[in-house]
Amino acid sequence: MKELTIDFSYFFLEQVNEILSSFDIGLRQYATNHLAKCGVHLKKGVVKEVHPKKIFLSDGTDAPYGLLVWSTGVGSSDFVKSLNLPKSQGGRIGIDEWMRALSVEDVFTLGDCAGFLEKTGKQVLHVLGQI
C-alpha cells in the first residue's frame, strides 16, 4: 500500500511584534513558545494585497497559501473596508453560514472583520471589546 504524505505549514502573520499584546508578558511568551513547538511560524507583516493562492505584504515579500484564514482586531480595518467584496454592517466582509467570504473561492473570514449579510437571515454578534 502506498503511503500518502501531505506537505503543509502554518504561518501566523501579525502586524505588531508579538501576539496577544493585551495580555501580560508571561502569557505572550508562553503562547509564542507553544506555537513554535507546534510548528507554527510567526511572521510580522502588514497585508497589502490578497491574490488567489498568494498574499503580498507591505515590505515587498509574499507568502503562498492553500487555505487563508483571516482574522483582524476589534472592528474592521481600513484595509478590510477597502476590499471589493460584499460587506455586512460596519464594513465587515460578508460571509455565509460556513464562514466563507462571498464571491471569493477558498477564503474563510472570521473574527471582527466578518459578518453575515442580511440576506442570510443570520444576526451579526456585537463586537466585544477587551476590558
N, C-alpha and C. Protein backbone atom coordinates (compact mmCIF):
# COMPACT_ATOMS: atom_id res chain seq x y z
N MET A 1 0.84 -1.18 0.00
CA MET A 1 0.00 0.00 0.00
C MET A 1 0.89 1.25 0.00
N LYS A 2 0.56 2.19 -0.85
CA LYS A 2 1.33 3.42 -0.98
C LYS A 2 1.00 4.38 0.17
N GLU A 3 2.04 4.97 0.74
CA GLU A 3 1.86 5.90 1.85
C GLU A 3 1.58 7.30 1.31
N LEU A 4 0.60 7.96 1.90
CA LEU A 4 0.23 9.32 1.50
C LEU A 4 0.96 10.32 2.38
N THR A 5 1.67 11.25 1.77
CA THR A 5 2.37 12.29 2.52
C THR A 5 1.76 13.63 2.15
N ILE A 6 1.45 14.40 3.16
CA ILE A 6 0.90 15.73 2.94
C ILE A 6 1.91 16.75 3.43
N ASP A 7 2.28 17.67 2.57
CA ASP A 7 3.24 18.71 2.91
C ASP A 7 2.46 20.00 3.22
N PHE A 8 2.61 20.50 4.42
CA PHE A 8 1.92 21.73 4.77
C PHE A 8 2.71 22.49 5.83
N SER A 9 2.40 23.75 5.98
CA SER A 9 2.99 24.56 7.04
C SER A 9 1.98 25.60 7.49
N TYR A 10 2.13 26.05 8.72
CA TYR A 10 1.25 27.06 9.29
C TYR A 10 2.04 28.35 9.48
N PHE A 11 1.46 29.46 9.06
CA PHE A 11 2.07 30.76 9.30
C PHE A 11 1.06 31.63 10.03
N PHE A 12 1.54 32.35 11.00
CA PHE A 12 0.71 33.27 11.77
C PHE A 12 1.29 34.65 11.52
N LEU A 13 0.56 35.48 10.81
CA LEU A 13 1.02 36.81 10.44
C LEU A 13 0.44 37.82 11.41
N GLU A 14 1.29 38.61 12.00
CA GLU A 14 0.87 39.59 12.99
C GLU A 14 1.43 40.95 12.61
N GLN A 15 0.62 41.99 12.74
CA GLN A 15 1.04 43.33 12.37
C GLN A 15 2.02 43.93 13.37
N VAL A 16 1.91 43.54 14.62
CA VAL A 16 2.81 44.07 15.65
C VAL A 16 3.87 43.02 15.98
N ASN A 17 4.79 43.36 16.88
CA ASN A 17 5.92 42.49 17.18
C ASN A 17 5.57 41.21 17.92
N GLU A 18 4.40 41.16 18.54
CA GLU A 18 4.08 39.99 19.33
C GLU A 18 2.59 39.69 19.26
N ILE A 19 2.24 38.46 19.63
CA ILE A 19 0.83 38.07 19.67
C ILE A 19 0.27 38.37 21.06
N LEU A 20 -1.03 38.46 21.14
CA LEU A 20 -1.74 38.65 22.41
C LEU A 20 -1.21 39.87 23.17
N SER A 21 -1.02 40.98 22.47
CA SER A 21 -0.37 42.15 23.06
C SER A 21 -1.13 42.75 24.25
N SER A 22 -2.40 42.45 24.42
CA SER A 22 -3.14 42.99 25.55
C SER A 22 -2.98 42.15 26.82
N PHE A 23 -2.27 41.01 26.72
CA PHE A 23 -2.06 40.14 27.87
C PHE A 23 -0.66 40.34 28.45
N ASP A 24 -0.42 39.81 29.64
CA ASP A 24 0.87 40.04 30.27
C ASP A 24 1.97 39.28 29.54
N ILE A 25 3.21 39.70 29.76
CA ILE A 25 4.36 39.20 29.01
C ILE A 25 4.55 37.69 29.17
N GLY A 26 4.27 37.15 30.35
CA GLY A 26 4.42 35.71 30.57
C GLY A 26 3.51 34.89 29.68
N LEU A 27 2.27 35.31 29.57
CA LEU A 27 1.31 34.60 28.71
C LEU A 27 1.69 34.77 27.24
N ARG A 28 2.14 35.94 26.85
CA ARG A 28 2.56 36.16 25.45
C ARG A 28 3.72 35.24 25.10
N GLN A 29 4.72 35.16 25.99
CA GLN A 29 5.88 34.31 25.72
C GLN A 29 5.49 32.84 25.70
N TYR A 30 4.62 32.42 26.62
CA TYR A 30 4.17 31.04 26.65
C TYR A 30 3.47 30.68 25.34
N ALA A 31 2.54 31.53 24.90
CA ALA A 31 1.80 31.27 23.66
C ALA A 31 2.74 31.22 22.46
N THR A 32 3.69 32.15 22.40
CA THR A 32 4.65 32.18 21.29
C THR A 32 5.48 30.90 21.26
N ASN A 33 5.99 30.49 22.43
CA ASN A 33 6.80 29.26 22.51
C ASN A 33 5.97 28.02 22.16
N HIS A 34 4.74 27.98 22.65
CA HIS A 34 3.87 26.82 22.37
C HIS A 34 3.57 26.72 20.87
N LEU A 35 3.27 27.83 20.24
CA LEU A 35 3.01 27.81 18.80
C LEU A 35 4.24 27.35 18.03
N ALA A 36 5.41 27.84 18.43
CA ALA A 36 6.65 27.44 17.75
C ALA A 36 6.89 25.94 17.89
N LYS A 37 6.64 25.38 19.09
CA LYS A 37 6.81 23.94 19.30
C LYS A 37 5.85 23.14 18.43
N CYS A 38 4.70 23.72 18.12
CA CYS A 38 3.70 23.05 17.27
C CYS A 38 3.98 23.24 15.78
N GLY A 39 5.06 23.95 15.46
CA GLY A 39 5.44 24.13 14.07
C GLY A 39 4.82 25.35 13.39
N VAL A 40 4.24 26.26 14.17
CA VAL A 40 3.66 27.47 13.61
C VAL A 40 4.75 28.52 13.47
N HIS A 41 4.88 29.09 12.28
CA HIS A 41 5.87 30.14 12.02
C HIS A 41 5.20 31.49 12.25
N LEU A 42 5.77 32.28 13.16
CA LEU A 42 5.25 33.62 13.41
C LEU A 42 6.00 34.61 12.53
N LYS A 43 5.26 35.50 11.88
CA LYS A 43 5.87 36.47 10.99
C LYS A 43 5.20 37.82 11.20
N LYS A 44 6.02 38.85 11.27
CA LYS A 44 5.49 40.21 11.39
C LYS A 44 5.29 40.76 9.99
N GLY A 45 4.14 41.40 9.76
CA GLY A 45 3.90 42.00 8.46
C GLY A 45 2.52 42.59 8.36
N VAL A 46 2.35 43.39 7.33
CA VAL A 46 1.07 44.01 7.04
C VAL A 46 0.66 43.57 5.63
N VAL A 47 -0.53 43.02 5.50
CA VAL A 47 -1.01 42.55 4.21
C VAL A 47 -1.35 43.74 3.33
N LYS A 48 -0.79 43.73 2.13
CA LYS A 48 -1.06 44.78 1.16
C LYS A 48 -2.11 44.33 0.15
N GLU A 49 -1.97 43.09 -0.34
CA GLU A 49 -2.90 42.56 -1.34
C GLU A 49 -3.08 41.06 -1.11
N VAL A 50 -4.26 40.58 -1.48
CA VAL A 50 -4.54 39.15 -1.44
C VAL A 50 -4.92 38.72 -2.85
N HIS A 51 -4.19 37.75 -3.36
CA HIS A 51 -4.46 37.18 -4.68
C HIS A 51 -4.77 35.70 -4.49
N PRO A 52 -5.36 35.09 -5.50
CA PRO A 52 -5.59 33.64 -5.38
C PRO A 52 -4.26 32.92 -5.16
N LYS A 53 -4.16 32.22 -4.04
CA LYS A 53 -3.02 31.38 -3.69
C LYS A 53 -1.78 32.13 -3.21
N LYS A 54 -1.85 33.48 -3.05
CA LYS A 54 -0.67 34.21 -2.57
C LYS A 54 -1.11 35.54 -1.95
N ILE A 55 -0.47 35.90 -0.81
CA ILE A 55 -0.69 37.23 -0.24
C ILE A 55 0.60 38.03 -0.40
N PHE A 56 0.46 39.33 -0.57
CA PHE A 56 1.59 40.23 -0.71
C PHE A 56 1.62 41.16 0.49
N LEU A 57 2.83 41.32 1.07
CA LEU A 57 2.99 42.14 2.26
C LEU A 57 3.56 43.50 1.89
N SER A 58 3.38 44.47 2.79
CA SER A 58 3.82 45.84 2.51
C SER A 58 5.33 45.97 2.41
N ASP A 59 6.09 44.98 2.94
CA ASP A 59 7.55 45.05 2.84
C ASP A 59 8.07 44.46 1.52
N GLY A 60 7.16 44.08 0.63
CA GLY A 60 7.54 43.56 -0.68
C GLY A 60 7.63 42.05 -0.75
N THR A 61 7.53 41.36 0.37
CA THR A 61 7.58 39.90 0.35
C THR A 61 6.19 39.34 0.06
N ASP A 62 6.15 38.06 -0.25
CA ASP A 62 4.87 37.41 -0.48
C ASP A 62 4.87 36.05 0.21
N ALA A 63 3.68 35.50 0.37
CA ALA A 63 3.53 34.20 1.02
C ALA A 63 2.45 33.41 0.28
N PRO A 64 2.80 32.23 -0.24
CA PRO A 64 1.78 31.40 -0.88
C PRO A 64 0.88 30.77 0.17
N TYR A 65 -0.35 30.43 -0.23
CA TYR A 65 -1.25 29.74 0.69
C TYR A 65 -2.16 28.80 -0.07
N GLY A 66 -2.64 27.80 0.64
CA GLY A 66 -3.66 26.91 0.11
C GLY A 66 -5.00 27.23 0.73
N LEU A 67 -4.98 27.52 2.01
CA LEU A 67 -6.18 27.93 2.74
C LEU A 67 -5.82 29.17 3.53
N LEU A 68 -6.53 30.24 3.32
CA LEU A 68 -6.28 31.50 4.01
C LEU A 68 -7.38 31.72 5.03
N VAL A 69 -7.00 31.87 6.29
CA VAL A 69 -7.94 32.20 7.36
C VAL A 69 -7.58 33.59 7.83
N TRP A 70 -8.53 34.52 7.73
CA TRP A 70 -8.26 35.92 8.03
C TRP A 70 -9.01 36.32 9.29
N SER A 71 -8.30 36.88 10.24
CA SER A 71 -8.93 37.39 11.46
C SER A 71 -8.22 38.68 11.84
N THR A 72 -8.98 39.73 12.11
CA THR A 72 -8.37 41.01 12.48
C THR A 72 -8.85 41.40 13.86
N GLY A 73 -8.37 42.53 14.34
CA GLY A 73 -8.70 43.03 15.68
C GLY A 73 -10.12 43.55 15.78
N VAL A 74 -10.40 44.28 16.84
CA VAL A 74 -11.74 44.80 17.11
C VAL A 74 -12.17 45.74 15.99
N GLY A 75 -13.27 45.41 15.34
CA GLY A 75 -13.77 46.22 14.24
C GLY A 75 -13.03 45.92 12.96
N SER A 76 -13.61 46.33 11.85
CA SER A 76 -12.94 46.07 10.58
C SER A 76 -11.98 47.20 10.26
N SER A 77 -10.84 46.83 9.73
CA SER A 77 -9.78 47.80 9.42
C SER A 77 -10.09 48.52 8.11
N ASP A 78 -9.35 49.59 7.86
CA ASP A 78 -9.50 50.30 6.60
C ASP A 78 -9.20 49.38 5.42
N PHE A 79 -8.23 48.46 5.61
CA PHE A 79 -7.91 47.53 4.55
C PHE A 79 -9.11 46.64 4.22
N VAL A 80 -9.74 46.09 5.25
CA VAL A 80 -10.91 45.23 5.04
C VAL A 80 -12.02 46.02 4.37
N LYS A 81 -12.24 47.24 4.82
CA LYS A 81 -13.28 48.08 4.22
C LYS A 81 -12.99 48.39 2.76
N SER A 82 -11.71 48.43 2.39
CA SER A 82 -11.34 48.78 1.01
C SER A 82 -11.47 47.61 0.04
N LEU A 83 -11.59 46.39 0.55
CA LEU A 83 -11.68 45.22 -0.33
C LEU A 83 -12.96 45.25 -1.15
N ASN A 84 -12.87 44.85 -2.38
CA ASN A 84 -14.02 44.82 -3.27
C ASN A 84 -14.79 43.51 -3.07
N LEU A 85 -15.40 43.40 -1.90
CA LEU A 85 -16.18 42.22 -1.52
C LEU A 85 -17.51 42.68 -0.96
N PRO A 86 -18.54 41.85 -1.03
CA PRO A 86 -19.81 42.22 -0.40
C PRO A 86 -19.59 42.46 1.09
N LYS A 87 -20.19 43.52 1.62
CA LYS A 87 -19.99 43.88 3.02
C LYS A 87 -21.30 43.77 3.80
N SER A 88 -21.15 43.44 5.08
CA SER A 88 -22.28 43.48 6.00
C SER A 88 -22.16 44.78 6.79
N GLN A 89 -22.98 44.92 7.82
CA GLN A 89 -22.95 46.15 8.61
C GLN A 89 -21.56 46.39 9.19
N GLY A 90 -21.19 47.66 9.31
CA GLY A 90 -19.90 48.02 9.89
C GLY A 90 -18.72 47.78 8.97
N GLY A 91 -18.97 47.51 7.70
CA GLY A 91 -17.87 47.29 6.75
C GLY A 91 -17.22 45.93 6.87
N ARG A 92 -17.88 45.00 7.55
CA ARG A 92 -17.33 43.64 7.68
C ARG A 92 -17.49 42.88 6.36
N ILE A 93 -16.60 41.91 6.14
CA ILE A 93 -16.68 41.08 4.95
C ILE A 93 -17.90 40.17 5.08
N GLY A 94 -18.75 40.16 4.06
CA GLY A 94 -19.95 39.33 4.08
C GLY A 94 -19.60 37.86 3.98
N ILE A 95 -20.21 37.06 4.86
CA ILE A 95 -19.91 35.63 4.90
C ILE A 95 -21.20 34.81 4.83
N ASP A 96 -21.02 33.53 4.51
CA ASP A 96 -22.16 32.60 4.56
C ASP A 96 -22.09 31.80 5.86
N GLU A 97 -22.96 30.81 5.99
CA GLU A 97 -23.02 30.05 7.24
C GLU A 97 -21.79 29.18 7.48
N TRP A 98 -20.92 29.05 6.49
CA TRP A 98 -19.68 28.28 6.64
C TRP A 98 -18.47 29.19 6.81
N MET A 99 -18.71 30.47 7.05
CA MET A 99 -17.68 31.49 7.26
C MET A 99 -16.86 31.78 5.99
N ARG A 100 -17.44 31.44 4.84
CA ARG A 100 -16.76 31.70 3.57
C ARG A 100 -17.05 33.11 3.11
N ALA A 101 -16.01 33.80 2.67
CA ALA A 101 -16.20 35.12 2.07
C ALA A 101 -16.97 34.92 0.77
N LEU A 102 -18.01 35.71 0.58
CA LEU A 102 -18.84 35.56 -0.61
C LEU A 102 -18.11 36.08 -1.84
N SER A 103 -18.26 35.41 -2.94
CA SER A 103 -17.70 35.74 -4.25
C SER A 103 -16.20 35.51 -4.36
N VAL A 104 -15.57 34.90 -3.35
CA VAL A 104 -14.14 34.58 -3.42
C VAL A 104 -13.97 33.13 -3.02
N GLU A 105 -13.35 32.35 -3.88
CA GLU A 105 -13.19 30.93 -3.61
C GLU A 105 -12.05 30.68 -2.64
N ASP A 106 -12.23 29.75 -1.72
CA ASP A 106 -11.20 29.29 -0.78
C ASP A 106 -10.72 30.36 0.20
N VAL A 107 -11.55 31.33 0.53
CA VAL A 107 -11.21 32.32 1.55
C VAL A 107 -12.27 32.27 2.63
N PHE A 108 -11.82 32.03 3.86
CA PHE A 108 -12.70 32.00 5.02
C PHE A 108 -12.41 33.23 5.87
N THR A 109 -13.44 33.81 6.43
CA THR A 109 -13.29 35.04 7.20
C THR A 109 -13.93 34.86 8.56
N LEU A 110 -13.21 35.23 9.62
CA LEU A 110 -13.77 35.14 10.95
C LEU A 110 -13.25 36.27 11.81
N GLY A 111 -13.82 36.39 12.97
CA GLY A 111 -13.41 37.46 13.87
C GLY A 111 -14.19 38.73 13.59
N ASP A 112 -13.61 39.84 14.01
CA ASP A 112 -14.31 41.12 13.92
C ASP A 112 -14.42 41.67 12.50
N CYS A 113 -13.73 41.05 11.53
CA CYS A 113 -13.82 41.54 10.16
C CYS A 113 -14.91 40.81 9.38
N ALA A 114 -15.62 39.86 10.01
CA ALA A 114 -16.62 39.06 9.31
C ALA A 114 -18.02 39.36 9.83
N GLY A 115 -18.99 39.28 8.93
CA GLY A 115 -20.38 39.45 9.34
C GLY A 115 -21.33 38.83 8.34
N PHE A 116 -22.44 38.31 8.84
CA PHE A 116 -23.44 37.75 7.95
C PHE A 116 -24.14 38.88 7.21
N LEU A 117 -24.41 38.66 5.96
CA LEU A 117 -25.20 39.62 5.19
C LEU A 117 -26.66 39.45 5.55
N GLU A 118 -27.45 40.50 5.39
CA GLU A 118 -28.87 40.45 5.74
C GLU A 118 -29.59 39.32 5.01
N LYS A 119 -29.18 39.02 3.79
CA LYS A 119 -29.89 38.01 3.01
C LYS A 119 -29.73 36.60 3.57
N THR A 120 -28.73 36.37 4.46
CA THR A 120 -28.58 35.05 5.06
C THR A 120 -29.58 34.83 6.18
N GLY A 121 -30.12 35.93 6.73
CA GLY A 121 -31.08 35.82 7.82
C GLY A 121 -30.42 35.60 9.17
N LYS A 122 -29.10 35.60 9.22
CA LYS A 122 -28.38 35.40 10.48
C LYS A 122 -27.97 36.75 11.05
N GLN A 123 -27.95 36.86 12.36
CA GLN A 123 -27.58 38.11 13.01
C GLN A 123 -26.07 38.16 13.24
N VAL A 124 -25.53 39.37 13.16
CA VAL A 124 -24.12 39.60 13.47
C VAL A 124 -24.02 39.84 14.97
N LEU A 125 -23.11 39.14 15.63
CA LEU A 125 -22.91 39.39 17.05
C LEU A 125 -22.17 40.71 17.23
N HIS A 126 -22.52 41.44 18.25
CA HIS A 126 -21.83 42.70 18.52
C HIS A 126 -20.40 42.42 18.95
N VAL A 127 -19.50 43.33 18.57
CA VAL A 127 -18.11 43.20 18.92
C VAL A 127 -17.96 43.35 20.43
N LEU A 128 -17.19 42.47 21.03
CA LEU A 128 -16.93 42.55 22.46
C LEU A 128 -15.51 43.02 22.67
N GLY A 129 -15.32 44.29 23.01
CA GLY A 129 -14.00 44.84 23.25
C GLY A 129 -13.39 44.28 24.52
N GLN A 130 -12.07 44.30 24.59
CA GLN A 130 -11.39 43.81 25.78
C GLN A 130 -11.52 44.84 26.89
N ILE A 131 -11.70 44.35 28.09
CA ILE A 131 -11.87 45.24 29.24
C ILE A 131 -10.59 45.27 30.05
